Amino acid sequence: MAHASMPDLAQITDAHAVTPELRRQLIDCWIAVTNSGGAAGFPFPPVRDDEVAPVTDKLLGRLHPQHSRLVTARFDDVLAGWVVLNRDPYRLVGHWGTVNHLQTHPEFRGRGVGSALMIDLRRIARDELELEQLHLAARGDEGLEDFYGRLGWREVGRWPGALRLAPADTRDEVLMLLDPL
């Protein structure tokens, strides 16, 4: 299957804009990413549809133009990846956003999907939501610090040993910041 060199990016700000087909692709992507070892919110693979679908629906139900946006990457009609940008509604911290669930479907890895999503998310945060900084937490020992570092993020802290994936596999949670946008 031939694909364009860069994915088509889109953002969704309302659950009603998510078609049944896109919902299905979001769930399938999350399952594929998790079951291939990806650090995208379900730390204990394998996962199944009955675990992922309700979490996806809850995430989609929170979409709102000012507080939560879903950014998708597609090649033709096939979902290649997605990410969520959240803004806290409280004024005290309303100047920054949180990035969650960045993921690229395993069939599309190595094609710049994750980078394209993060670059577009940065633009949305700065130009549309008028945010000043972005935060995220990443699983240590996955190479994610380097990935985000290449995109301008910097590590600002760690929760040592915060993530216990298995009795002999405990990882740091890496706290990262993108500032300025």
C-alpha atoms as a PDB file:
ATOM      1  CA  MET A   1       0.000   0.000   0.000  1.00  0.00           C
ATOM      2  CA  ALA A   2       1.603   3.269  -1.111  1.00  0.00           C
ATOM      3  CA  HIS A   3       1.299   6.211   1.255  1.00  0.00           C
ATOM      4  CA  ALA A   4       2.079   9.900   1.029  1.00  0.00           C
ATOM      5  CA  SER A   5       5.354  10.877   2.671  1.00  0.00           C
ATOM      6  CA  MET A   6       3.705  12.925   5.448  1.00  0.00           C
ATOM      7  CA  PRO A   7       0.428  12.227   7.194  1.00  0.00           C
ATOM      8  CA  ASP A   8      -2.655  14.399   6.976  1.00  0.00           C
ATOM      9  CA  LEU A   9      -3.180  16.015  10.374  1.00  0.00           C
ATOM     10  CA  ALA A  10      -6.526  17.038  11.825  1.00  0.00           C
ATOM     11  CA  GLN A  11      -7.840  18.101  15.186  1.00  0.00           C
ATOM     12  CA  ILE A  12     -11.130  17.266  16.808  1.00  0.00           C
ATOM     13  CA  THR A  13     -12.657  19.357  19.580  1.00  0.00           C
ATOM     14  CA  ASP A  14     -16.031  17.657  20.021  1.00  0.00           C
ATOM     15  CA  ALA A  15     -16.961  14.000  20.481  1.00  0.00           C
ATOM     16  CA  HIS A  16     -19.829  14.432  17.994  1.00  0.00           C
ATOM     17  CA  ALA A  17     -17.239  14.983  15.256  1.00  0.00           C
ATOM     18  CA  VAL A  18     -15.790  11.498  15.813  1.00  0.00           C
ATOM     19  CA  THR A  19     -17.270   9.066  13.319  1.00  0.00           C
ATOM     20  CA  PRO A  20     -17.859   5.437  14.295  1.00  0.00           C
ATOM     21  CA  GLU A  21     -15.045   4.499  11.893  1.00  0.00           C
ATOM     22  CA  LEU A  22     -12.585   6.904  13.537  1.00  0.00           C
ATOM     23  CA  ARG A  23     -13.608   5.710  17.014  1.00  0.00           C
ATOM     24  CA  ARG A  24     -12.908   2.136  15.896  1.00  0.00           C
ATOM     25  CA  GLN A  25      -9.513   3.142  14.479  1.00  0.00           C
ATOM     26  CA  LEU A  26      -8.573   5.018  17.674  1.00  0.00           C
ATOM     27  CA  ILE A  27      -9.356   1.936  19.757  1.00  0.00           C
ATOM     28  CA  ASP A  28      -7.558  -0.411  17.363  1.00  0.00           C
ATOM     29  CA  CYS A  29      -4.506   1.864  17.291  1.00  0.00           C
ATOM     30  CA  TRP A  30      -4.370   2.039  21.091  1.00  0.00           C
ATOM     31  CA  ILE A  31      -4.621  -1.751  21.334  1.00  0.00           C
ATOM     32  CA  ALA A  32      -1.900  -2.281  18.712  1.00  0.00           C
ATOM     33  CA  VAL A  33       0.424   0.274  20.329  1.00  0.00           C
ATOM     34  CA  THR A  34      -0.049  -1.149  23.817  1.00  0.00           C
ATOM     35  CA  ASN A  35       0.280  -4.771  22.754  1.00  0.00           C
ATOM     36  CA  SER A  36       3.515  -3.965  20.908  1.00  0.00           C
ATOM     37  CA  GLY A  37       5.018  -2.502  24.104  1.00  0.00           C
ATOM     38  CA  GLY A  38       4.165   1.163  23.606  1.00  0.00           C
ATOM     39  CA  ALA A  39       3.880   3.468  26.615  1.00  0.00           C
ATOM     40  CA  ALA A  40       0.518   5.078  25.865  1.00  0.00           C
ATOM     41  CA  GLY A  41      -1.625   4.695  28.953  1.00  0.00           C
ATOM     42  CA  PHE A  42      -2.184   0.956  29.381  1.00  0.00           C
ATOM     43  CA  PRO A  43       0.960  -0.352  31.092  1.00  0.00           C
ATOM     44  CA  PHE A  44       0.014  -4.027  31.314  1.00  0.00           C
ATOM     45  CA  PRO A  45      -0.377  -5.680  27.904  1.00  0.00           C
ATOM     46  CA  PRO A  46      -2.076  -7.451  26.405  1.00  0.00           C
ATOM     47  CA  VAL A  47      -5.181  -5.299  26.333  1.00  0.00           C
ATOM     48  CA  ARG A  48      -8.487  -5.999  24.649  1.00  0.00           C
ATOM     49  CA  ASP A  49     -11.275  -3.992  23.128  1.00  0.00           C
ATOM     50  CA  ASP A  50     -13.441  -4.229  26.250  1.00  0.00           C
ATOM     51  CA  GLU A  51     -10.684  -2.496  28.262  1.00  0.00           C
ATOM     52  CA  VAL A  52      -9.709   0.163  25.742  1.00  0.00           C
ATOM     53  CA  ALA A  53     -13.113   1.143  24.307  1.00  0.00           C
ATOM     54  CA  PRO A  54     -14.569   2.639  27.529  1.00  0.00           C
ATOM     55  CA  VAL A  55     -11.387   4.624  28.197  1.00  0.00           C
ATOM     56  CA  THR A  56     -11.441   5.901  24.619  1.00  0.00           C
ATOM     57  CA  ASP A  57     -15.089   6.900  24.958  1.00  0.00           C
ATOM     58  CA  LYS A  58     -14.367   8.760  28.193  1.00  0.00           C
ATOM     59  CA  LEU A  59     -11.456  10.583  26.541  1.00  0.00           C
ATOM     60  CA  LEU A  60     -13.618  11.513  23.549  1.00  0.00           C
ATOM     61  CA  GLY A  61     -16.418  12.678  25.843  1.00  0.00           C
ATOM     62  CA  ARG A  62     -14.080  15.244  27.405  1.00  0.00           C
ATOM     63  CA  LEU A  63     -13.183  16.900  24.089  1.00  0.00           C
ATOM     64  CA  HIS A  64     -13.885  20.621  24.181  1.00  0.00           C
ATOM     65  CA  PRO A  65     -12.593  23.494  22.017  1.00  0.00           C
ATOM     66  CA  GLN A  66     -11.032  25.297  24.989  1.00  0.00           C
ATOM     67  CA  HIS A  67      -9.969  22.374  27.183  1.00  0.00           C
ATOM     68  CA  SER A  68      -9.253  19.160  25.273  1.00  0.00           C
ATOM     69  CA  ARG A  69      -8.273  18.454  21.704  1.00  0.00           C
ATOM     70  CA  LEU A  70      -7.553  15.276  19.814  1.00  0.00           C
ATOM     71  CA  VAL A  71      -4.993  15.516  17.014  1.00  0.00           C
ATOM     72  CA  THR A  72      -4.930  12.694  14.477  1.00  0.00           C
ATOM     73  CA  ALA A  73      -2.514  11.678  11.752  1.00  0.00           C
ATOM     74  CA  ARG A  74      -3.796   9.737   8.748  1.00  0.00           C
ATOM     75  CA  PHE A  75      -2.460   8.330   5.545  1.00  0.00           C
ATOM     76  CA  ASP A  76      -5.406   8.258   3.165  1.00  0.00           C
ATOM     77  CA  ASP A  77      -8.251   6.967   5.344  1.00  0.00           C
ATOM     78  CA  VAL A  78      -6.051   4.993   7.734  1.00  0.00           C
ATOM     79  CA  LEU A  79      -5.290   6.317  11.222  1.00  0.00           C
ATOM     80  CA  ALA A  80      -1.514   6.330  11.725  1.00  0.00           C
ATOM     81  CA  GLY A  81      -1.393   7.970  15.156  1.00  0.00           C
ATOM     82  CA  TRP A  82      -2.943  10.399  17.594  1.00  0.00           C
ATOM     83  CA  VAL A  83      -2.327  12.554  20.644  1.00  0.00           C
ATOM     84  CA  VAL A  84      -4.425  14.517  23.143  1.00  0.00           C
ATOM     85  CA  LEU A  85      -3.811  18.055  24.394  1.00  0.00           C
ATOM     86  CA  ASN A  86      -5.554  19.055  27.633  1.00  0.00           C
ATOM     87  CA  ARG A  87      -5.804  22.424  29.315  1.00  0.00           C
ATOM     88  CA  ASP A  88      -6.807  22.689  32.937  1.00  0.00           C
ATOM     89  CA  PRO A  89      -9.862  24.960  33.290  1.00  0.00           C
ATOM     90  CA  TYR A  90      -8.515  26.533  36.495  1.00  0.00           C
ATOM     91  CA  ARG A  91      -7.045  29.997  35.990  1.00  0.00           C
ATOM     92  CA  LEU A  92      -4.024  29.329  38.205  1.00  0.00           C
ATOM     93  CA  VAL A  93      -2.629  26.759  35.750  1.00  0.00           C
ATOM     94  CA  GLY A  94      -4.634  27.662  32.660  1.00  0.00           C
ATOM     95  CA  HIS A  95      -1.548  28.976  30.861  1.00  0.00           C
ATOM     96  CA  TRP A  96      -0.120  25.484  30.328  1.00  0.00           C
ATOM     97  CA  GLY A  97      -1.327  22.300  28.708  1.00  0.00           C
ATOM     98  CA  THR A  98      -0.718  18.614  29.252  1.00  0.00           C
ATOM     99  CA  VAL A  99       0.090  16.171  26.465  1.00  0.00           C
ATOM    100  CA  ASN A 100      -1.325  12.664  26.772  1.00  0.00           C
ATOM    101  CA  HIS A 101      -1.344   9.394  24.855  1.00  0.00           C
ATOM    102  CA  LEU A 102       0.976  10.195  21.946  1.00  0.00           C
ATOM    103  CA  GLN A 103       1.015   7.066  19.835  1.00  0.00           C
ATOM    104  CA  THR A 104       1.892   5.850  16.381  1.00  0.00           C
ATOM    105  CA  HIS A 105       0.362   2.650  15.049  1.00  0.00           C
ATOM    106  CA  PRO A 106       3.156   0.041  14.748  1.00  0.00           C
ATOM    107  CA  GLU A 107       2.582  -0.222  10.978  1.00  0.00           C
ATOM    108  CA  PHE A 108       3.506   3.457  10.591  1.00  0.00           C
ATOM    109  CA  ARG A 109       6.486   3.766  12.941  1.00  0.00           C
ATOM    110  CA  GLY A 110       9.641   5.344  11.606  1.00  0.00           C
ATOM    111  CA  ARG A 111       7.750   7.625   9.222  1.00  0.00           C
ATOM    112  CA  GLY A 112       7.701  10.804  11.310  1.00  0.00           C
ATOM    113  CA  VAL A 113       4.118  10.441  12.518  1.00  0.00           C
ATOM    114  CA  GLY A 114       4.903  11.113  16.195  1.00  0.00           C
ATOM    115  CA  SER A 115       7.051  14.129  15.344  1.00  0.00           C
ATOM    116  CA  ALA A 116       4.412  15.532  12.991  1.00  0.00           C
ATOM    117  CA  LEU A 117       1.736  15.160  15.675  1.00  0.00           C
ATOM    118  CA  MET A 118       3.886  16.883  18.293  1.00  0.00           C
ATOM    119  CA  ILE A 119       4.827  19.748  15.970  1.00  0.00           C
ATOM    120  CA  ASP A 120       1.172  20.357  15.099  1.00  0.00           C
ATOM    121  CA  LEU A 121       0.135  20.037  18.742  1.00  0.00           C
ATOM    122  CA  ARG A 122       2.701  22.701  19.642  1.00  0.00           C
ATOM    123  CA  ARG A 123       1.253  25.017  16.990  1.00  0.00           C
ATOM    124  CA  ILE A 124      -2.304  24.426  18.237  1.00  0.00           C
ATOM    125  CA  ALA A 125      -1.266  25.049  21.845  1.00  0.00           C
ATOM    126  CA  ARG A 126       0.529  28.292  20.994  1.00  0.00           C
ATOM    127  CA  ASP A 127      -1.593  29.776  18.215  1.00  0.00           C
ATOM    128  CA  GLU A 128      -5.110  28.565  18.984  1.00  0.00           C
ATOM    129  CA  LEU A 129      -5.227  27.950  22.730  1.00  0.00           C
ATOM    130  CA  GLU A 130      -2.646  30.659  23.504  1.00  0.00           C
ATOM    131  CA  LEU A 131      -0.834  28.409  25.957  1.00  0.00           C
ATOM    132  CA  GLU A 132       2.633  29.339  27.174  1.00  0.00           C
ATOM    133  CA  GLN A 133       4.040  25.903  27.984  1.00  0.00           C
ATOM    134  CA  LEU A 134       3.329  22.205  27.691  1.00  0.00           C
ATOM    135  CA  HIS A 135       3.947  19.395  30.175  1.00  0.00           C
ATOM    136  CA  LEU A 136       4.076  15.640  29.791  1.00  0.00           C
ATOM    137  CA  ALA A 137       5.124  12.574  31.748  1.00  0.00           C
ATOM    138  CA  ALA A 138       6.934   9.746  29.971  1.00  0.00           C
ATOM    139  CA  ARG A 139       7.956   6.243  30.931  1.00  0.00           C
ATOM    140  CA  GLY A 140      11.707   6.035  31.510  1.00  0.00           C
ATOM    141  CA  ASP A 141      14.021   3.622  29.665  1.00  0.00           C
ATOM    142  CA  GLU A 142      12.002   3.775  26.449  1.00  0.00           C
ATOM    143  CA  GLY A 143      14.106   6.370  24.591  1.00  0.00           C
ATOM    144  CA  LEU A 144      11.295   8.882  24.910  1.00  0.00           C
ATOM    145  CA  GLU A 145      13.491  11.543  26.513  1.00  0.00           C
ATOM    146  CA  ASP A 146      15.623  11.645  23.349  1.00  0.00           C
ATOM    147  CA  PHE A 147      12.581  11.704  21.070  1.00  0.00           C
ATOM    148  CA  TYR A 148      11.013  14.627  22.917  1.00  0.00           C
ATOM    149  CA  GLY A 149      14.398  16.334  23.323  1.00  0.00           C
ATOM    150  CA  ARG A 150      14.794  16.478  19.537  1.00  0.00           C
ATOM    151  CA  LEU A 151      11.499  18.380  19.467  1.00  0.00           C
ATOM    152  CA  GLY A 152      12.653  21.013  21.971  1.00  0.00           C
ATOM    153  CA  TRP A 153      11.389  19.431  25.195  1.00  0.00           C
ATOM    154  CA  ARG A 154      13.568  19.253  28.283  1.00  0.00           C
ATOM    155  CA  GLU A 155      13.495  17.044  31.316  1.00  0.00           C
ATOM    156  CA  VAL A 156      12.532  18.963  34.452  1.00  0.00           C
ATOM    157  CA  GLY A 157      12.328  16.113  36.927  1.00  0.00           C
ATOM    158  CA  ARG A 158      11.742  12.453  37.635  1.00  0.00           C
ATOM    159  CA  TRP A 159       9.738  10.339  39.961  1.00  0.00           C
ATOM    160  CA  PRO A 160      12.335   7.603  40.582  1.00  0.00           C
ATOM    161  CA  GLY A 161      10.934   4.095  40.503  1.00  0.00           C
ATOM    162  CA  ALA A 162       7.378   5.397  40.133  1.00  0.00           C
ATOM    163  CA  LEU A 163       6.222   2.919  37.497  1.00  0.00           C
ATOM    164  CA  ARG A 164       6.234  -0.785  38.368  1.00  0.00           C
ATOM    165  CA  LEU A 165       5.562  -2.675  35.173  1.00  0.00           C
ATOM    166  CA  ALA A 166       6.584  -6.048  36.636  1.00  0.00           C
ATOM    167  CA  PRO A 167       8.322  -7.223  39.836  1.00  0.00           C
ATOM    168  CA  ALA A 168      11.734  -6.858  38.165  1.00  0.00           C
ATOM    169  CA  ASP A 169      10.855  -3.881  35.949  1.00  0.00           C
ATOM    170  CA  THR A 170      10.455  -0.577  37.780  1.00  0.00           C
ATOM    171  CA  ARG A 171      10.917   2.636  35.795  1.00  0.00           C
ATOM    172  CA  ASP A 172      11.196   6.329  36.453  1.00  0.00           C
ATOM    173  CA  GLU A 173       8.422   8.642  35.388  1.00  0.00           C
ATOM    174  CA  VAL A 174      10.148  11.422  33.453  1.00  0.00           C
ATOM    175  CA  LEU A 175       8.619  14.900  33.695  1.00  0.00           C
ATOM    176  CA  MET A 176       9.163  17.036  30.606  1.00  0.00           C
ATOM    177  CA  LEU A 177       8.487  20.649  29.657  1.00  0.00           C
ATOM    178  CA  LEU A 178       8.232  22.552  26.397  1.00  0.00           C
ATOM    179  CA  ASP A 179       8.689  26.253  27.111  1.00  0.00           C
ATOM    180  CA  PRO A 180       8.484  28.601  25.287  1.00  0.00           C
ATOM    181  CA  LEU A 181       6.121  27.389  22.626  1.00  0.00           C
END
